[in-house]
Protein backbone atom coordinates (compact mmCIF):
# COMPACT_ATOMS: atom_id res chain seq x y z
CA MET A 1 12.29 -1.83 5.03
CA ARG A 2 14.69 -4.51 3.91
CA VAL A 3 15.70 -2.36 0.94
CA VAL A 4 16.67 0.47 3.31
CA VAL A 5 18.86 -1.85 5.38
CA GLU A 6 20.50 -3.35 2.29
CA GLU A 7 21.28 0.13 0.94
CA MET A 8 22.84 1.19 4.24
CA LEU A 9 25.09 -1.86 4.23
CA LYS A 10 26.21 -0.94 0.70
CA LYS A 11 26.94 2.62 1.79
CA LEU A 12 28.98 1.39 4.73
CA ALA A 13 31.03 -0.79 2.40
CA SER A 14 31.76 2.19 0.14
CA LEU A 15 32.83 4.67 2.81
CA ALA A 16 36.59 3.93 2.62
CA PRO A 17 36.86 3.11 6.36
CA GLU A 18 40.66 3.33 6.38
CA ARG A 19 40.55 7.08 5.63
CA ILE A 20 37.72 7.69 8.09
CA ASP A 21 39.67 5.82 10.76
CA LEU A 22 42.79 7.90 10.14
CA ALA A 23 40.81 11.12 10.28
CA TRP A 24 38.50 10.58 13.24
CA GLY A 25 38.77 7.03 14.54
CA LEU A 26 35.24 6.17 13.36
CA LYS A 27 36.13 2.78 11.98
CA GLY A 28 35.14 0.91 15.13
CA LYS A 29 31.79 2.65 15.38
CA LEU A 30 31.01 1.99 11.72
CA GLN A 31 31.98 -1.66 12.10
CA LYS A 32 29.61 -1.93 15.06
CA LEU A 33 26.88 -0.34 12.95
CA ASN A 34 27.58 -2.84 10.17
CA VAL A 35 27.25 -5.78 12.59
CA SER A 36 23.92 -4.49 13.93
CA LEU A 37 22.48 -3.88 10.47
CA THR A 38 23.58 -7.32 9.27
CA PHE A 39 21.88 -8.92 12.27
CA ILE A 40 18.66 -6.99 11.62
CA ARG A 41 18.71 -7.81 7.92
CA ASP A 42 18.85 -11.52 8.77
CA VAL A 43 15.70 -11.37 10.92
CA LEU A 44 13.72 -8.95 8.75
CA HIS A 45 12.30 -11.60 6.43
CA ASP A 46 10.64 -13.43 9.30
CA ALA A 47 9.49 -10.20 10.94
CA LEU A 48 7.85 -8.92 7.75
CA GLU A 49 5.94 -12.19 7.40
CA LYS A 50 4.71 -12.10 11.01
CA GLN A 51 3.66 -8.44 11.18
CA ALA A 52 0.17 -9.17 9.80
CA ARG A 53 -0.72 -11.41 12.75
CA GLU A 54 1.49 -10.17 15.61
CA GLU A 55 1.08 -6.65 17.00
CA SER A 56 4.47 -6.81 18.75
CA VAL A 57 6.22 -7.39 15.42
CA ARG A 58 4.51 -4.37 13.86
CA ILE A 59 5.64 -2.23 16.80
CA TRP A 60 9.20 -3.54 16.48
CA LEU A 61 9.28 -2.74 12.76
CA GLN A 62 7.93 0.76 13.41
CA ASN A 63 10.71 1.44 15.93
CA LEU A 64 13.29 0.01 13.55
CA ARG A 65 12.02 2.17 10.68
CA VAL A 66 12.57 5.38 12.69
CA VAL A 67 16.16 4.45 13.59
CA ALA A 68 16.91 3.18 10.08
CA TYR A 69 15.97 6.49 8.47
CA GLU A 70 18.12 8.37 10.99
CA ALA A 71 21.05 6.09 10.16
CA GLU A 72 20.47 6.55 6.44
CA ASP A 73 20.68 10.34 6.82
CA VAL A 74 23.95 10.11 8.76
CA LEU A 75 25.52 7.76 6.22
CA ASP A 76 24.43 10.03 3.36
CA GLU A 77 26.07 12.99 5.09
CA LEU A 78 29.24 11.05 5.77
CA GLY A 79 29.33 9.68 2.24
CA TYR A 80 29.01 13.17 0.80
CA LYS A 81 32.00 14.38 2.80
CA VAL A 82 34.10 11.39 1.72
CA LEU A 83 33.18 11.95 -1.92
CA LYS A 84 34.01 15.65 -1.68
CA GLN A 85 37.40 14.85 -0.17
CA GLN A 86 38.13 12.39 -2.97
CA VAL A 87 37.32 14.99 -5.62
CA GLU A 88 39.32 17.81 -4.01
CA GLY A 89 42.37 15.80 -2.93
CA SER A 90 45.23 15.35 -5.40
CA THR A 91 47.54 12.92 -3.52
CA PRO A 92 46.97 10.19 -0.92
CA ARG A 93 48.75 12.30 1.70
CA LYS A 94 46.64 15.32 0.83
CA LYS A 95 43.46 13.24 0.91
CA VAL A 96 44.08 12.30 4.54
CA SER A 97 45.16 15.71 5.71
CA ASN A 98 42.31 17.48 3.93
CA PHE A 99 39.61 15.07 5.09
CA PHE A 100 36.52 17.20 5.80
CA SER A 101 38.71 20.33 5.61
CA ALA A 102 35.97 22.06 3.61
CA SER A 103 33.89 22.28 6.74
CA SER A 104 34.02 25.66 8.44
CA ASN A 105 34.47 23.91 11.78
CA PRO A 106 35.82 20.38 11.19
CA ILE A 107 36.25 19.61 14.90
CA ALA A 108 32.61 20.43 15.64
CA PHE A 109 31.50 18.40 12.64
CA GLN A 110 33.64 15.48 13.79
CA LEU A 111 32.16 15.51 17.29
CA ARG A 112 28.63 15.79 15.93
CA MET A 113 29.16 12.85 13.58
CA ARG A 114 30.60 10.65 16.32
CA LYS A 115 27.69 11.55 18.59
CA LYS A 116 25.13 10.69 15.90
CA ILE A 117 26.69 7.32 15.08
CA LYS A 118 26.94 6.43 18.77
CA LYS A 119 23.27 7.33 19.28
CA ILE A 120 22.24 5.14 16.35
CA ASN A 121 24.36 2.23 17.61
CA ASP A 122 22.76 2.54 21.05
CA GLU A 123 19.24 2.60 19.57
CA LEU A 124 19.95 -0.41 17.37
CA ALA A 125 21.34 -2.25 20.40
CA GLU A 126 18.02 -1.67 22.19
CA ILE A 127 16.10 -2.88 19.15
CA LYS A 128 18.26 -6.02 19.00
CA LYS A 129 17.39 -6.73 22.64
CA ASP A 130 13.75 -7.09 21.61
CA VAL A 131 14.63 -10.07 19.41
CA VAL A 132 14.13 -13.22 21.46
CA GLY A 133 15.06 -16.76 20.50
CA PHE A 134 16.93 -15.74 17.36
CA ASP A 135 17.44 -18.45 14.80
CA PRO A 136 19.41 -17.15 11.78
CA ASN A 137 17.61 -19.61 9.54
CA ARG A 138 14.04 -18.80 10.47
CA ALA A 139 12.53 -18.03 13.86
CA VAL A 140 12.32 -14.65 15.53
CA ILE A 141 10.02 -13.51 18.32
CA ILE A 142 9.81 -9.80 18.90
CA SER A 143 8.42 -7.67 21.71
CA SER A 144 8.14 -3.92 22.15
CA GLU A 145 5.86 -1.21 23.52
CA ARG A 146 5.06 1.58 21.09
CA ALA A 147 2.31 1.14 18.53
CA PRO A 148 2.64 2.20 14.88
CA GLN A 149 0.17 4.28 12.89
CA THR A 150 -0.62 3.22 9.33
CA SER A 151 -3.04 4.45 6.71
CA VAL A 152 -3.76 2.97 3.31
CA SER A 153 -6.23 4.30 0.76
CA PRO A 154 -7.63 1.59 -1.53
CA VAL A 155 -7.73 2.51 -5.21
CA THR A 156 -10.40 1.08 -7.51
CA HIS A 157 -11.32 1.54 -11.15
CA SER A 158 -14.75 1.81 -12.73
CA PHE A 159 -14.18 0.16 -16.10
CA LEU A 160 -14.44 -3.44 -17.25
CA ASP A 161 -12.29 -4.69 -20.10
CA LYS A 162 -13.23 -7.50 -22.44
CA SER A 163 -11.22 -10.07 -20.49
CA GLU A 164 -13.06 -9.43 -17.23
CA GLN A 165 -16.23 -11.16 -16.14
CA VAL A 166 -18.87 -10.06 -13.63
CA ILE A 167 -19.50 -12.93 -11.22
CA GLY A 168 -22.46 -13.46 -8.91
CA ARG A 169 -24.32 -10.21 -9.67
CA ASP A 170 -27.23 -11.35 -11.88
CA SER A 171 -29.88 -10.52 -9.27
CA ASP A 172 -28.28 -7.13 -8.59
CA VAL A 173 -28.45 -6.23 -12.28
CA SER A 174 -32.16 -7.08 -12.37
CA GLU A 175 -32.95 -4.98 -9.30
CA VAL A 176 -31.04 -1.96 -10.63
CA ILE A 177 -32.92 -2.20 -13.95
CA GLU A 178 -36.21 -2.22 -12.04
CA LEU A 179 -35.18 0.93 -10.18
CA LEU A 180 -34.27 2.61 -13.47
CA ASN A 181 -37.74 1.91 -14.85
CA VAL A 182 -39.39 3.97 -12.08
CA SER A 183 -40.81 7.22 -13.44
CA SER A 184 -39.21 10.48 -12.30
CA ASP A 185 -41.98 12.83 -13.47
CA ASP A 186 -42.78 13.88 -9.90
CA ARG A 187 -39.27 15.22 -9.15
CA PRO A 188 -39.48 19.01 -8.79
CA PRO A 189 -36.76 21.11 -10.48
CA ARG A 190 -34.44 22.99 -8.15
CA SER A 191 -31.87 25.74 -8.49
CA LEU A 192 -28.52 24.91 -10.11
CA ILE A 193 -25.53 27.01 -9.05
CA ASP A 194 -22.51 24.81 -9.52
CA THR A 195 -20.52 25.52 -12.70
CA THR A 196 -19.56 21.93 -13.44
CA LEU A 197 -23.10 20.66 -13.00
CA ARG A 198 -24.45 23.54 -15.09
CA ARG A 199 -22.17 22.50 -17.94
CA LEU A 200 -23.28 18.91 -17.46
CA LYS A 201 -26.92 19.95 -17.65
CA GLU A 202 -26.30 21.92 -20.84
CA GLY A 203 -24.51 18.96 -22.42
CA LEU A 204 -27.35 16.57 -21.58
CA HIS A 205 -30.18 18.91 -22.54
CA GLY A 206 -32.69 17.27 -24.87
CA LYS A 207 -31.00 13.88 -24.64
CA ASN A 208 -31.94 10.60 -23.04
CA PHE A 209 -29.16 9.55 -20.70
CA LEU A 210 -28.02 7.27 -17.91
CA LEU A 211 -25.49 9.10 -15.71
CA VAL A 212 -23.37 6.95 -13.37
CA LEU A 213 -21.43 8.61 -10.53
CA ASP A 214 -19.18 5.84 -9.24
CA ASP A 215 -17.65 5.56 -5.75
CA ILE A 216 -18.99 8.78 -4.23
CA TRP A 217 -17.89 9.20 -0.61
CA ASN A 218 -16.33 11.53 1.91
CA GLU A 219 -13.89 10.51 4.66
CA GLU A 220 -15.13 13.27 6.98
CA LEU A 221 -18.81 12.37 6.69
CA ASP A 222 -18.76 10.18 9.79
CA HIS A 223 -17.37 13.01 11.92
CA THR A 224 -18.96 16.05 10.35
CA GLY A 225 -21.57 18.64 11.27
CA ASN A 226 -24.52 20.24 9.52
CA GLU A 227 -22.32 22.27 7.15
CA GLU A 228 -20.88 19.15 5.50
CA LEU A 229 -24.27 17.44 5.37
CA GLU A 230 -25.68 20.51 3.65
CA LYS A 231 -23.21 19.98 0.79
CA TRP A 232 -24.73 16.56 0.14
CA ASP A 233 -28.20 18.10 0.18
CA ASN A 234 -27.05 20.63 -2.42
CA LEU A 235 -25.61 17.88 -4.61
CA MET A 236 -28.89 16.01 -4.37
CA ASN A 237 -30.76 19.14 -5.45
CA TYR A 238 -28.42 19.72 -8.40
CA LEU A 239 -28.76 16.15 -9.66
CA SER A 240 -32.54 16.26 -9.32
CA THR A 241 -32.55 19.39 -11.49
CA ILE A 242 -30.55 17.64 -14.20
CA CYS A 243 -32.72 14.52 -14.19
CA VAL A 244 -36.16 16.08 -14.77
CA ASN A 245 -37.28 14.32 -17.95
CA SER A 246 -38.98 10.95 -18.06
CA GLY A 247 -36.63 8.17 -19.16
CA ASN A 248 -33.48 9.73 -17.72
CA SER A 249 -31.78 8.24 -14.67
CA ILE A 250 -28.79 8.77 -12.41
CA ILE A 251 -27.04 5.94 -10.59
CA ILE A 252 -24.80 6.74 -7.64
CA THR A 253 -22.54 4.09 -6.11
CA THR A 254 -20.96 4.61 -2.71
CA ARG A 255 -19.22 2.66 0.02
CA LYS A 256 -20.85 4.79 2.76
CA GLN A 257 -24.29 3.92 4.13
CA GLN A 258 -24.89 7.55 5.20
CA ILE A 259 -24.37 8.83 1.66
CA ALA A 260 -26.70 6.18 0.25
CA LEU A 261 -29.41 7.30 2.66
CA LYS A 262 -28.75 10.96 1.87
CA MET A 263 -28.92 10.53 -1.91
CA GLU A 264 -31.95 8.22 -1.97
CA THR A 265 -34.77 9.97 -3.86
CA SER A 266 -37.57 7.96 -2.29
CA PRO A 267 -38.01 4.73 -0.29
CA GLY A 268 -37.17 1.70 -2.37
CA HIS A 269 -34.80 3.56 -4.69
CA ARG A 270 -31.71 2.23 -2.92
CA HIS A 271 -30.08 -1.10 -3.66
CA GLU A 272 -27.55 -2.58 -1.24
CA MET A 273 -25.05 -5.02 -2.71
CA LYS A 274 -24.77 -8.28 -0.82
CA GLY A 275 -21.69 -10.43 -0.52
CA LEU A 276 -20.85 -13.14 -3.03
CA LYS A 277 -21.56 -16.78 -2.32
CA ASP A 278 -18.65 -18.98 -1.24
CA GLU A 279 -18.69 -20.87 -4.55
CA GLU A 280 -18.54 -17.58 -6.45
CA CYS A 281 -15.48 -16.49 -4.45
CA TRP A 282 -13.90 -19.86 -5.19
CA PHE A 283 -14.65 -19.40 -8.90
CA ILE A 284 -12.82 -16.03 -8.87
CA ILE A 285 -9.84 -17.60 -7.09
CA GLN A 286 -9.71 -20.46 -9.60
CA LYS A 287 -9.60 -18.07 -12.55
CA ILE A 288 -6.73 -16.09 -11.02
CA VAL A 289 -4.79 -19.17 -9.96
CA GLU A 290 -5.34 -20.42 -13.52
CA PHE A 291 -6.72 -23.83 -12.72
CA GLY A 292 -9.19 -23.45 -15.54
CA ASN A 293 -12.68 -24.93 -15.58
CA ASP A 294 -11.42 -28.50 -15.38
CA MET A 295 -11.63 -29.38 -11.70
CA ALA A 296 -9.78 -32.62 -12.39
CA SER A 297 -6.62 -30.58 -12.91
CA THR A 298 -6.80 -29.42 -9.28
CA SER A 299 -5.27 -31.70 -6.70
CA GLY A 300 -7.73 -32.83 -4.06
CA GLU A 301 -5.75 -31.35 -1.18
CA LEU A 302 -5.29 -27.96 -2.81
CA GLU A 303 -8.94 -27.81 -3.82
CA GLU A 304 -10.05 -28.48 -0.25
CA ILE A 305 -7.73 -25.78 1.11
CA GLY A 306 -8.79 -23.37 -1.62
CA ILE A 307 -12.49 -23.83 -0.84
CA ASP A 308 -11.77 -23.15 2.84
CA ILE A 309 -9.96 -19.94 1.85
CA ALA A 310 -12.92 -18.93 -0.34
CA ARG A 311 -15.24 -19.33 2.65
CA LYS A 312 -13.06 -16.89 4.58
CA CYS A 313 -13.45 -14.19 1.92
CA GLY A 314 -16.66 -13.06 3.59
CA GLY A 315 -18.28 -12.62 0.19
CA VAL A 316 -15.91 -9.74 -0.63
CA PRO A 317 -14.79 -9.88 -4.30
CA LEU A 318 -11.61 -7.90 -3.58
CA ALA A 319 -10.62 -10.46 -0.95
CA ALA A 320 -11.01 -13.27 -3.49
CA ARG A 321 -8.91 -11.40 -6.06
CA VAL A 322 -6.09 -10.59 -3.63
CA LEU A 323 -6.00 -14.07 -2.12
CA GLY A 324 -6.10 -15.63 -5.58
CA GLY A 325 -3.05 -13.58 -6.50
CA LEU A 326 -1.22 -14.81 -3.40
CA MET A 327 -2.17 -18.42 -4.08
CA ARG A 328 -0.98 -18.17 -7.68
CA ASN A 329 2.56 -17.41 -6.48
CA SER A 330 2.98 -21.00 -5.38
CA LYS A 331 0.82 -24.10 -5.65
CA GLU A 332 2.58 -25.79 -2.77
CA LYS A 333 0.33 -27.09 0.00
CA SER A 334 2.36 -25.36 2.72
CA HIS A 335 1.99 -21.98 1.00
CA TRP A 336 -1.78 -22.30 0.71
CA LEU A 337 -2.06 -23.44 4.32
CA SER A 338 -0.10 -20.38 5.48
CA ILE A 339 -2.66 -18.18 3.70
CA LYS A 340 -5.62 -20.13 5.06
CA ASN A 341 -4.32 -19.92 8.65
CA ASN A 342 -3.48 -16.21 8.52
CA PRO A 343 -5.52 -14.53 11.31
CA VAL A 344 -6.36 -11.63 8.99
CA LEU A 345 -8.87 -13.92 7.26
CA ASP A 346 -10.73 -14.59 10.49
CA SER A 347 -12.38 -11.16 10.42
CA VAL A 348 -12.80 -10.22 6.75
CA ALA A 349 -15.71 -7.81 6.24
CA ASP A 350 -16.94 -5.63 3.41
CA ASP A 351 -15.96 -2.40 5.16
CA ASP A 352 -12.92 -0.12 5.21
CA ALA A 353 -11.13 -2.09 7.94
CA GLY A 354 -11.70 -5.45 6.26
CA ILE A 355 -10.64 -4.21 2.84
CA LEU A 356 -7.53 -2.53 4.22
CA SER A 357 -6.49 -5.70 6.05
CA ILE A 358 -6.77 -7.69 2.81
CA LEU A 359 -4.77 -5.11 0.85
CA LYS A 360 -2.14 -5.09 3.59
CA LEU A 361 -1.95 -8.89 3.43
CA GLY A 362 -1.29 -8.69 -0.32
CA PHE A 363 1.42 -6.08 0.22
CA ASP A 364 3.09 -8.13 2.96
CA HIS A 365 3.44 -11.10 0.59
CA LEU A 366 5.18 -9.10 -2.13
CA PRO A 367 8.89 -9.88 -2.59
CA TRP A 368 10.93 -7.48 -0.45
CA TYR A 369 12.51 -5.83 -3.50
CA LEU A 370 9.08 -5.00 -4.99
CA LYS A 371 7.60 -3.40 -1.87
CA PRO A 372 9.38 -0.02 -2.21
CA CYS A 373 8.43 0.10 -5.90
CA PHE A 374 4.78 -0.42 -5.02
CA ALA A 375 4.92 2.06 -2.13
CA TYR A 376 6.49 4.66 -4.42
CA CYS A 377 3.25 4.79 -6.42
CA ALA A 378 1.64 6.53 -3.43
CA MET A 379 3.50 9.64 -4.60
CA PHE A 380 0.93 10.03 -7.39
CA PRO A 381 -2.58 11.39 -6.74
CA GLU A 382 -5.50 8.95 -6.87
CA GLY A 383 -6.73 8.41 -10.40
CA HIS A 384 -3.50 9.67 -11.97
CA ARG A 385 -2.52 7.88 -15.17
CA ILE A 386 1.09 6.71 -14.74
CA ARG A 387 3.28 6.17 -17.80
CA LYS A 388 5.16 2.90 -17.48
CA GLU A 389 8.42 4.21 -18.96
CA GLU A 390 8.39 7.28 -16.74
CA LEU A 391 7.70 5.22 -13.62
CA ILE A 392 10.59 2.85 -14.36
CA GLN A 393 12.95 5.80 -14.81
CA LEU A 394 11.80 7.27 -11.51
CA TRP A 395 12.37 3.94 -9.76
CA MET A 396 15.86 3.76 -11.22
CA ALA A 397 16.63 7.34 -10.16
CA GLU A 398 15.61 6.49 -6.60
CA GLY A 399 17.85 3.41 -6.60
CA LEU A 400 14.91 1.02 -6.18
CA LEU A 401 15.94 -1.27 -9.05
CA GLY A 402 19.51 -1.99 -8.06
CA THR A 403 22.65 -0.58 -9.63
CA ALA A 404 22.67 1.50 -12.79
CA ASN A 405 25.49 -0.68 -14.17
CA ASP A 406 23.21 -3.69 -14.36
CA PRO A 407 21.95 -3.88 -17.98
CA THR A 408 18.91 -5.93 -16.90
CA VAL A 409 17.66 -3.42 -14.34
CA GLU A 410 15.04 -1.78 -16.53
């Protein structure tokens, strides 16, 4: 959001207001827009920090986002016309007289542009009224009425590199191994009609195998009818047909309880992962913060705060990883206390809502200039392998990395 406001202020500065004023008398309206955007930019930092714990701030930011994108479109349109006039004009006198002359109806375009800018100024004025007790150095309290809608899809990976360590799962490993040792001789073969699974069966024929299907789930399963449930029955039948020989096993992991129940072959063949212990969450945080194994290197105050934060992880490994990343940004006591006292941590749970709140907390603590870069990655489908060089070029093309004249941008 802050990037959008900063870019609009740059566009306003580059619009050659003296020519616009001579042509249509828009200088005053653009100056008013500049004042409003500057005011909003100054309070955005505080608002972005507070949105995680204050609903009114999230509503205010949602309303601002709508108006900001409208303003950006108007400034882009105005900037295009100014640029076109600069290219076509040959003398200063001609530049003024030909301003927007390429339009088939310049008077109508002029009136439409003035109306749009006035509407944006009026909307920004209303948004500014919602800012109470403004302190340009820090404080801002915001109130509004409309509620925003947000949706984030967490992305996970199923591999473990050599530098990673599995923490607090020894008992889970033992239980899964016990389940794998259960004989499957009594599983009756069923029909196989799916092409992909047929190819899989052919590839595994005559071999001993362990097939792992990781993170199987369906967003619609909670609100679906018999037709969707039948698809899971079919998948179960297909997999049972593949795994007919003794010694072969299939492991399915899922975040949905309904799917686990659906895919369970017989009672006792389902293992539910429990949360980590508090000390295990603290161990994960320590590794990310890079305190090392030497507890003496940790100050007493920070250690106490860190342990309290670990207790608030709710046994969720992802929460420990995200919070550890936030704590690594600064080892100041005030920074750690701000994380510990964040209301998001009061209701962490190992479900979609809890995980999303933790991911949102991590996003909110990113530097403002990195947020649009991170959000841009949502353009790619889940599981897509992104080339670093290509992504950087795309960021630069979108203007997310500053000016092209800066040699350090890339």
